[in-house]
Amino acid sequence: MKQEELLRKIQEVDFACLELNLYLDNNPNNQNALKDYNALANESMKLKKIYEMNFGPLTNFGSSLSQYPFAWINEPWPWEGK
């Protein structure tokens, strides 16, 4: 998957996670929604791991590991594309 396609997929999955999170705030006993949320959260983590292995870190402040030399300052930033 190309960098732009992978980043778009991450954004789509994270958006769905956010929407389900908001829904679950008001419906905490909905087991189906919680199951869907957990599945999407796992998918998001997998996609982010794939992205970071191929294109570098997506986040900083202890959320992502970095290879040597420290790669967070390399451009383009994940949201800038190429």
PDB file of N, CA and C in Angstrom:
ATOM      1  N   MET A   1       0.845  -1.179   0.000  1.00  0.00           N
ATOM      2  CA  MET A   1       0.000   0.000   0.000  1.00  0.00           C
ATOM      3  C   MET A   1       0.889   1.241   0.000  1.00  0.00           C
ATOM      4  N   LYS A   2       0.543   2.213  -0.808  1.00  0.00           N
ATOM      5  CA  LYS A   2       1.310   3.455  -0.863  1.00  0.00           C
ATOM      6  C   LYS A   2       1.124   4.252   0.424  1.00  0.00           C
ATOM      7  N   GLN A   3       2.064   5.161   0.678  1.00  0.00           N
ATOM      8  CA  GLN A   3       2.031   5.954   1.897  1.00  0.00           C
ATOM      9  C   GLN A   3       0.719   6.722   2.033  1.00  0.00           C
ATOM     10  N   GLU A   4       0.283   7.366   0.968  1.00  0.00           N
ATOM     11  CA  GLU A   4      -0.934   8.166   1.021  1.00  0.00           C
ATOM     12  C   GLU A   4      -2.164   7.290   1.269  1.00  0.00           C
ATOM     13  N   GLU A   5      -2.201   6.115   0.641  1.00  0.00           N
ATOM     14  CA  GLU A   5      -3.326   5.199   0.825  1.00  0.00           C
ATOM     15  C   GLU A   5      -3.381   4.684   2.255  1.00  0.00           C
ATOM     16  N   LEU A   6      -2.227   4.343   2.801  1.00  0.00           N
ATOM     17  CA  LEU A   6      -2.166   3.831   4.155  1.00  0.00           C
ATOM     18  C   LEU A   6      -2.564   4.906   5.159  1.00  0.00           C
ATOM     19  N   LEU A   7      -2.086   6.115   4.958  1.00  0.00           N
ATOM     20  CA  LEU A   7      -2.444   7.212   5.847  1.00  0.00           C
ATOM     21  C   LEU A   7      -3.946   7.492   5.778  1.00  0.00           C
ATOM     22  N   ARG A   8      -4.535   7.436   4.596  1.00  0.00           N
ATOM     23  CA  ARG A   8      -5.984   7.645   4.431  1.00  0.00           C
ATOM     24  C   ARG A   8      -6.760   6.557   5.175  1.00  0.00           C
ATOM     25  N   LYS A   9      -6.303   5.310   5.063  1.00  0.00           N
ATOM     26  CA  LYS A   9      -6.972   4.203   5.752  1.00  0.00           C
ATOM     27  C   LYS A   9      -6.900   4.396   7.264  1.00  0.00           C
ATOM     28  N   ILE A  10      -5.756   4.833   7.765  1.00  0.00           N
ATOM     29  CA  ILE A  10      -5.611   5.107   9.198  1.00  0.00           C
ATOM     30  C   ILE A  10      -6.603   6.188   9.622  1.00  0.00           C
ATOM     31  N   GLN A  11      -6.723   7.231   8.826  1.00  0.00           N
ATOM     32  CA  GLN A  11      -7.654   8.315   9.145  1.00  0.00           C
ATOM     33  C   GLN A  11      -9.093   7.814   9.164  1.00  0.00           C
ATOM     34  N   GLU A  12      -9.455   6.963   8.225  1.00  0.00           N
ATOM     35  CA  GLU A  12     -10.810   6.426   8.162  1.00  0.00           C
ATOM     36  C   GLU A  12     -11.119   5.571   9.385  1.00  0.00           C
ATOM     37  N   VAL A  13     -10.191   4.689   9.737  1.00  0.00           N
ATOM     38  CA  VAL A  13     -10.396   3.803  10.888  1.00  0.00           C
ATOM     39  C   VAL A  13     -10.433   4.617  12.179  1.00  0.00           C
ATOM     40  N   ASP A  14      -9.547   5.596  12.315  1.00  0.00           N
ATOM     41  CA  ASP A  14      -9.535   6.427  13.520  1.00  0.00           C
ATOM     42  C   ASP A  14     -10.806   7.262  13.637  1.00  0.00           C
ATOM     43  N   PHE A  15     -11.346   7.721  12.516  1.00  0.00           N
ATOM     44  CA  PHE A  15     -12.606   8.468  12.536  1.00  0.00           C
ATOM     45  C   PHE A  15     -13.737   7.577  13.040  1.00  0.00           C
ATOM     46  N   ALA A  16     -13.783   6.335  12.544  1.00  0.00           N
ATOM     47  CA  ALA A  16     -14.812   5.398  12.996  1.00  0.00           C
ATOM     48  C   ALA A  16     -14.649   5.105  14.489  1.00  0.00           C
ATOM     49  N   CYS A  17     -13.405   4.984  14.961  1.00  0.00           N
ATOM     50  CA  CYS A  17     -13.154   4.780  16.395  1.00  0.00           C
ATOM     51  C   CYS A  17     -13.682   5.963  17.212  1.00  0.00           C
ATOM     52  N   LEU A  18     -13.416   7.150  16.735  1.00  0.00           N
ATOM     53  CA  LEU A  18     -13.878   8.347  17.437  1.00  0.00           C
ATOM     54  C   LEU A  18     -15.398   8.379  17.513  1.00  0.00           C
ATOM     55  N   GLU A  19     -16.062   8.079  16.409  1.00  0.00           N
ATOM     56  CA  GLU A  19     -17.522   8.078  16.390  1.00  0.00           C
ATOM     57  C   GLU A  19     -18.089   7.033  17.345  1.00  0.00           C
ATOM     58  N   LEU A  20     -17.510   5.846  17.336  1.00  0.00           N
ATOM     59  CA  LEU A  20     -17.975   4.806  18.250  1.00  0.00           C
ATOM     60  C   LEU A  20     -17.677   5.171  19.706  1.00  0.00           C
ATOM     61  N   ASN A  21     -16.559   5.819  19.946  1.00  0.00           N
ATOM     62  CA  ASN A  21     -16.229   6.275  21.291  1.00  0.00           C
ATOM     63  C   ASN A  21     -17.299   7.238  21.792  1.00  0.00           C
ATOM     64  N   LEU A  22     -17.689   8.187  20.959  1.00  0.00           N
ATOM     65  CA  LEU A  22     -18.734   9.139  21.343  1.00  0.00           C
ATOM     66  C   LEU A  22     -20.061   8.422  21.593  1.00  0.00           C
ATOM     67  N   TYR A  23     -20.385   7.466  20.733  1.00  0.00           N
ATOM     68  CA  TYR A  23     -21.612   6.688  20.910  1.00  0.00           C
ATOM     69  C   TYR A  23     -21.582   5.917  22.230  1.00  0.00           C
ATOM     70  N   LEU A  24     -20.443   5.285  22.517  1.00  0.00           N
ATOM     71  CA  LEU A  24     -20.310   4.495  23.742  1.00  0.00           C
ATOM     72  C   LEU A  24     -20.329   5.358  25.003  1.00  0.00           C
ATOM     73  N   ASP A  25     -19.956   6.626  24.889  1.00  0.00           N
ATOM     74  CA  ASP A  25     -20.074   7.529  26.034  1.00  0.00           C
ATOM     75  C   ASP A  25     -21.522   7.593  26.521  1.00  0.00           C
ATOM     76  N   ASN A  26     -22.451   7.529  25.574  1.00  0.00           N
ATOM     77  CA  ASN A  26     -23.876   7.619  25.903  1.00  0.00           C
ATOM     78  C   ASN A  26     -24.563   6.262  25.976  1.00  0.00           C
ATOM     79  N   ASN A  27     -23.917   5.223  25.479  1.00  0.00           N
ATOM     80  CA  ASN A  27     -24.496   3.881  25.445  1.00  0.00           C
ATOM     81  C   ASN A  27     -23.455   2.856  25.894  1.00  0.00           C
ATOM     82  N   PRO A  28     -22.989   2.961  27.122  1.00  0.00           N
ATOM     83  CA  PRO A  28     -21.867   2.124  27.572  1.00  0.00           C
ATOM     84  C   PRO A  28     -22.176   0.634  27.650  1.00  0.00           C
ATOM     85  N   ASN A  29     -23.440   0.253  27.645  1.00  0.00           N
ATOM     86  CA  ASN A  29     -23.806  -1.154  27.755  1.00  0.00           C
ATOM     87  C   ASN A  29     -24.079  -1.819  26.408  1.00  0.00           C
ATOM     88  N   ASN A  30     -23.796  -1.122  25.321  1.00  0.00           N
ATOM     89  CA  ASN A  30     -24.019  -1.694  23.995  1.00  0.00           C
ATOM     90  C   ASN A  30     -22.827  -2.572  23.631  1.00  0.00           C
ATOM     91  N   GLN A  31     -23.005  -3.876  23.807  1.00  0.00           N
ATOM     92  CA  GLN A  31     -21.900  -4.814  23.585  1.00  0.00           C
ATOM     93  C   GLN A  31     -21.474  -4.875  22.130  1.00  0.00           C
ATOM     94  N   ASN A  32     -22.409  -4.749  21.198  1.00  0.00           N
ATOM     95  CA  ASN A  32     -22.049  -4.787  19.778  1.00  0.00           C
ATOM     96  C   ASN A  32     -21.191  -3.587  19.391  1.00  0.00           C
ATOM     97  N   ALA A  33     -21.550  -2.418  19.897  1.00  0.00           N
ATOM     98  CA  ALA A  33     -20.759  -1.221  19.608  1.00  0.00           C
ATOM     99  C   ALA A  33     -19.371  -1.337  20.222  1.00  0.00           C
ATOM    100  N   LEU A  34     -19.300  -1.895  21.421  1.00  0.00           N
ATOM    101  CA  LEU A  34     -17.996  -2.069  22.069  1.00  0.00           C
ATOM    102  C   LEU A  34     -17.145  -3.075  21.310  1.00  0.00           C
ATOM    103  N   LYS A  35     -17.765  -4.131  20.823  1.00  0.00           N
ATOM    104  CA  LYS A  35     -17.039  -5.115  20.014  1.00  0.00           C
ATOM    105  C   LYS A  35     -16.504  -4.457  18.742  1.00  0.00           C
ATOM    106  N   ASP A  36     -17.339  -3.663  18.083  1.00  0.00           N
ATOM    107  CA  ASP A  36     -16.900  -2.952  16.872  1.00  0.00           C
ATOM    108  C   ASP A  36     -15.779  -1.969  17.182  1.00  0.00           C
ATOM    109  N   TYR A  37     -15.911  -1.247  18.302  1.00  0.00           N
ATOM    110  CA  TYR A  37     -14.873  -0.300  18.697  1.00  0.00           C
ATOM    111  C   TYR A  37     -13.534  -1.004  18.906  1.00  0.00           C
ATOM    112  N   ASN A  38     -13.561  -2.103  19.652  1.00  0.00           N
ATOM    113  CA  ASN A  38     -12.316  -2.827  19.922  1.00  0.00           C
ATOM    114  C   ASN A  38     -11.694  -3.390  18.649  1.00  0.00           C
ATOM    115  N   ALA A  39     -12.518  -3.862  17.729  1.00  0.00           N
ATOM    116  CA  ALA A  39     -11.994  -4.367  16.455  1.00  0.00           C
ATOM    117  C   ALA A  39     -11.334  -3.243  15.663  1.00  0.00           C
ATOM    118  N   LEU A  40     -11.976  -2.083  15.629  1.00  0.00           N
ATOM    119  CA  LEU A  40     -11.405  -0.946  14.903  1.00  0.00           C
ATOM    120  C   LEU A  40     -10.149  -0.413  15.592  1.00  0.00           C
ATOM    121  N   ALA A  41     -10.138  -0.409  16.918  1.00  0.00           N
ATOM    122  CA  ALA A  41      -8.948   0.048  17.651  1.00  0.00           C
ATOM    123  C   ALA A  41      -7.764  -0.864  17.350  1.00  0.00           C
ATOM    124  N   ASN A  42      -8.013  -2.176  17.305  1.00  0.00           N
ATOM    125  CA  ASN A  42      -6.946  -3.112  16.944  1.00  0.00           C
ATOM    126  C   ASN A  42      -6.478  -2.896  15.517  1.00  0.00           C
ATOM    127  N   GLU A  43      -7.411  -2.662  14.606  1.00  0.00           N
ATOM    128  CA  GLU A  43      -7.056  -2.387  13.201  1.00  0.00           C
ATOM    129  C   GLU A  43      -6.219  -1.120  13.100  1.00  0.00           C
ATOM    130  N   SER A  44      -6.600  -0.094  13.851  1.00  0.00           N
ATOM    131  CA  SER A  44      -5.841   1.161  13.858  1.00  0.00           C
ATOM    132  C   SER A  44      -4.414   0.938  14.324  1.00  0.00           C
ATOM    133  N   MET A  45      -4.239   0.180  15.388  1.00  0.00           N
ATOM    134  CA  MET A  45      -2.895  -0.097  15.900  1.00  0.00           C
ATOM    135  C   MET A  45      -2.064  -0.865  14.878  1.00  0.00           C
ATOM    136  N   LYS A  46      -2.678  -1.841  14.209  1.00  0.00           N
ATOM    137  CA  LYS A  46      -1.957  -2.611  13.186  1.00  0.00           C
ATOM    138  C   LYS A  46      -1.531  -1.713  12.030  1.00  0.00           C
ATOM    139  N   LEU A  47      -2.453  -0.885  11.544  1.00  0.00           N
ATOM    140  CA  LEU A  47      -2.144  -0.003  10.423  1.00  0.00           C
ATOM    141  C   LEU A  47      -1.041   0.993  10.791  1.00  0.00           C
ATOM    142  N   LYS A  48      -1.100   1.534  11.994  1.00  0.00           N
ATOM    143  CA  LYS A  48      -0.079   2.492  12.428  1.00  0.00           C
ATOM    144  C   LYS A  48       1.286   1.825  12.553  1.00  0.00           C
ATOM    145  N   LYS A  49       1.305   0.597  13.012  1.00  0.00           N
ATOM    146  CA  LYS A  49       2.573  -0.132  13.105  1.00  0.00           C
ATOM    147  C   LYS A  49       3.162  -0.349  11.714  1.00  0.00           C
ATOM    148  N   ILE A  50       2.330  -0.745  10.765  1.00  0.00           N
ATOM    149  CA  ILE A  50       2.781  -0.926   9.382  1.00  0.00           C
ATOM    150  C   ILE A  50       3.299   0.384   8.827  1.00  0.00           C
ATOM    151  N   TYR A  51       2.554   1.469   9.055  1.00  0.00           N
ATOM    152  CA  TYR A  51       2.972   2.779   8.554  1.00  0.00           C
ATOM    153  C   TYR A  51       4.334   3.156   9.126  1.00  0.00           C
ATOM    154  N   GLU A  52       4.487   3.040  10.428  1.00  0.00           N
ATOM    155  CA  GLU A  52       5.724   3.471  11.069  1.00  0.00           C
ATOM    156  C   GLU A  52       6.912   2.612  10.672  1.00  0.00           C
ATOM    157  N   MET A  53       6.687   1.340  10.405  1.00  0.00           N
ATOM    158  CA  MET A  53       7.779   0.476   9.956  1.00  0.00           C
ATOM    159  C   MET A  53       8.265   0.876   8.562  1.00  0.00           C
ATOM    160  N   ASN A  54       7.367   1.405   7.751  1.00  0.00           N
ATOM    161  CA  ASN A  54       7.706   1.737   6.368  1.00  0.00           C
ATOM    162  C   ASN A  54       8.022   3.208   6.126  1.00  0.00           C
ATOM    163  N   PHE A  55       7.392   4.099   6.903  1.00  0.00           N
ATOM    164  CA  PHE A  55       7.503   5.523   6.592  1.00  0.00           C
ATOM    165  C   PHE A  55       7.954   6.399   7.749  1.00  0.00           C
ATOM    166  N   GLY A  56       8.117   5.840   8.938  1.00  0.00           N
ATOM    167  CA  GLY A  56       8.558   6.629  10.083  1.00  0.00           C
ATOM    168  C   GLY A  56       7.425   6.924  11.048  1.00  0.00           C
ATOM    169  N   PRO A  57       7.751   7.568  12.173  1.00  0.00           N
ATOM    170  CA  PRO A  57       6.778   7.774  13.241  1.00  0.00           C
ATOM    171  C   PRO A  57       5.630   8.692  12.851  1.00  0.00           C
ATOM    172  N   LEU A  58       4.450   8.380  13.403  1.00  0.00           N
ATOM    173  CA  LEU A  58       3.261   9.216  13.213  1.00  0.00           C
ATOM    174  C   LEU A  58       3.076  10.202  14.356  1.00  0.00           C
ATOM    175  N   THR A  59       3.500   9.802  15.555  1.00  0.00           N
ATOM    176  CA  THR A  59       3.333  10.657  16.725  1.00  0.00           C
ATOM    177  C   THR A  59       4.642  10.703  17.503  1.00  0.00           C
ATOM    178  N   ASN A  60       4.702  11.606  18.445  1.00  0.00           N
ATOM    179  CA  ASN A  60       5.895  11.775  19.264  1.00  0.00           C
ATOM    180  C   ASN A  60       5.496  11.653  20.726  1.00  0.00           C
ATOM    181  N   PHE A  61       6.349  12.045  21.617  1.00  0.00           N
ATOM    182  CA  PHE A  61       6.098  12.082  23.050  1.00  0.00           C
ATOM    183  C   PHE A  61       5.847  10.704  23.636  1.00  0.00           C
ATOM    184  N   GLY A  62       6.652   9.723  23.202  1.00  0.00           N
ATOM    185  CA  GLY A  62       6.586   8.408  23.790  1.00  0.00           C
ATOM    186  C   GLY A  62       5.555   7.478  23.183  1.00  0.00           C
ATOM    187  N   SER A  63       4.835   7.914  22.184  1.00  0.00           N
ATOM    188  CA  SER A  63       3.824   7.062  21.561  1.00  0.00           C
ATOM    189  C   SER A  63       4.388   6.215  20.436  1.00  0.00           C
ATOM    190  N   SER A  64       5.512   6.622  19.896  1.00  0.00           N
ATOM    191  CA  SER A  64       6.133   5.890  18.789  1.00  0.00           C
ATOM    192  C   SER A  64       7.623   5.735  19.052  1.00  0.00           C
ATOM    193  N   LEU A  65       8.132   4.583  18.702  1.00  0.00           N
ATOM    194  CA  LEU A  65       9.567   4.364  18.794  1.00  0.00           C
ATOM    195  C   LEU A  65      10.251   4.991  17.590  1.00  0.00           C
ATOM    196  N   SER A  66      11.530   5.267  17.701  1.00  0.00           N
ATOM    197  CA  SER A  66      12.275   5.856  16.601  1.00  0.00           C
ATOM    198  C   SER A  66      13.532   5.050  16.345  1.00  0.00           C
ATOM    199  N   GLN A  67      13.905   4.947  15.092  1.00  0.00           N
ATOM    200  CA  GLN A  67      15.149   4.306  14.726  1.00  0.00           C
ATOM    201  C   GLN A  67      16.275   5.312  14.867  1.00  0.00           C
ATOM    202  N   TYR A  68      17.507   4.808  14.853  1.00  0.00           N
ATOM    203  CA  TYR A  68      18.669   5.686  14.880  1.00  0.00           C
ATOM    204  C   TYR A  68      19.044   6.063  13.456  1.00  0.00           C
ATOM    205  N   PRO A  69      19.350   7.301  13.166  1.00  0.00           N
ATOM    206  CA  PRO A  69      19.266   8.460  14.043  1.00  0.00           C
ATOM    207  C   PRO A  69      17.810   8.876  14.265  1.00  0.00           C
ATOM    208  N   PHE A  70      17.580   9.676  15.287  1.00  0.00           N
ATOM    209  CA  PHE A  70      16.241  10.108  15.651  1.00  0.00           C
ATOM    210  C   PHE A  70      15.526  10.627  14.412  1.00  0.00           C
ATOM    211  N   ALA A  71      14.391  10.042  14.092  1.00  0.00           N
ATOM    212  CA  ALA A  71      13.753  10.294  12.789  1.00  0.00           C
ATOM    213  C   ALA A  71      12.566  11.235  12.847  1.00  0.00           C
ATOM    214  N   TRP A  72      12.197  11.711  14.016  1.00  0.00           N
ATOM    215  CA  TRP A  72      10.989  12.530  14.099  1.00  0.00           C
ATOM    216  C   TRP A  72      11.096  13.823  13.293  1.00  0.00           C
ATOM    217  N   ILE A  73      12.294  14.337  13.134  1.00  0.00           N
ATOM    218  CA  ILE A  73      12.452  15.613  12.443  1.00  0.00           C
ATOM    219  C   ILE A  73      12.544  15.475  10.932  1.00  0.00           C
ATOM    220  N   ASN A  74      12.570  14.247  10.420  1.00  0.00           N
ATOM    221  CA  ASN A  74      12.657  14.054   8.976  1.00  0.00           C
ATOM    222  C   ASN A  74      11.383  14.519   8.288  1.00  0.00           C
ATOM    223  N   GLU A  75      11.541  15.069   7.102  1.00  0.00           N
ATOM    224  CA  GLU A  75      10.382  15.512   6.341  1.00  0.00           C
ATOM    225  C   GLU A  75      10.127  14.560   5.206  1.00  0.00           C
ATOM    226  N   PRO A  76       8.985  14.499   4.602  1.00  0.00           N
ATOM    227  CA  PRO A  76       7.804  15.272   4.966  1.00  0.00           C
ATOM    228  C   PRO A  76       7.126  14.712   6.208  1.00  0.00           C
ATOM    229  N   TRP A  77       6.391  15.557   6.904  1.00  0.00           N
ATOM    230  CA  TRP A  77       5.607  15.111   8.048  1.00  0.00           C
ATOM    231  C   TRP A  77       4.518  14.180   7.520  1.00  0.00           C
ATOM    232  N   PRO A  78       4.013  13.263   8.334  1.00  0.00           N
ATOM    233  CA  PRO A  78       3.018  12.290   7.858  1.00  0.00           C
ATOM    234  C   PRO A  78       1.799  12.931   7.196  1.00  0.00           C
ATOM    235  N   TRP A  79       1.369  14.075   7.659  1.00  0.00           N
ATOM    236  CA  TRP A  79       0.170  14.715   7.112  1.00  0.00           C
ATOM    237  C   TRP A  79       0.469  15.553   5.861  1.00  0.00           C
ATOM    238  N   GLU A  80       1.746  15.725   5.534  1.00  0.00           N
ATOM    239  CA  GLU A  80       2.118  16.512   4.368  1.00  0.00           C
ATOM    240  C   GLU A  80       2.184  15.690   3.100  1.00  0.00           C
ATOM    241  N   GLY A  81       2.394  14.376   3.208  1.00  0.00           N
ATOM    242  CA  GLY A  81       2.561  13.561   2.020  1.00  0.00           C
ATOM    243  C   GLY A  81       3.878  13.898   1.346  1.00  0.00           C
ATOM    244  N   LYS A  82       3.958  13.582   0.068  1.00  0.00           N
ATOM    245  CA  LYS A  82       5.206  13.845  -0.680  1.00  0.00           C
ATOM    246  C   LYS A  82       5.041  14.994  -1.623  1.00  0.00           C
TER     247      LYS A  82
END
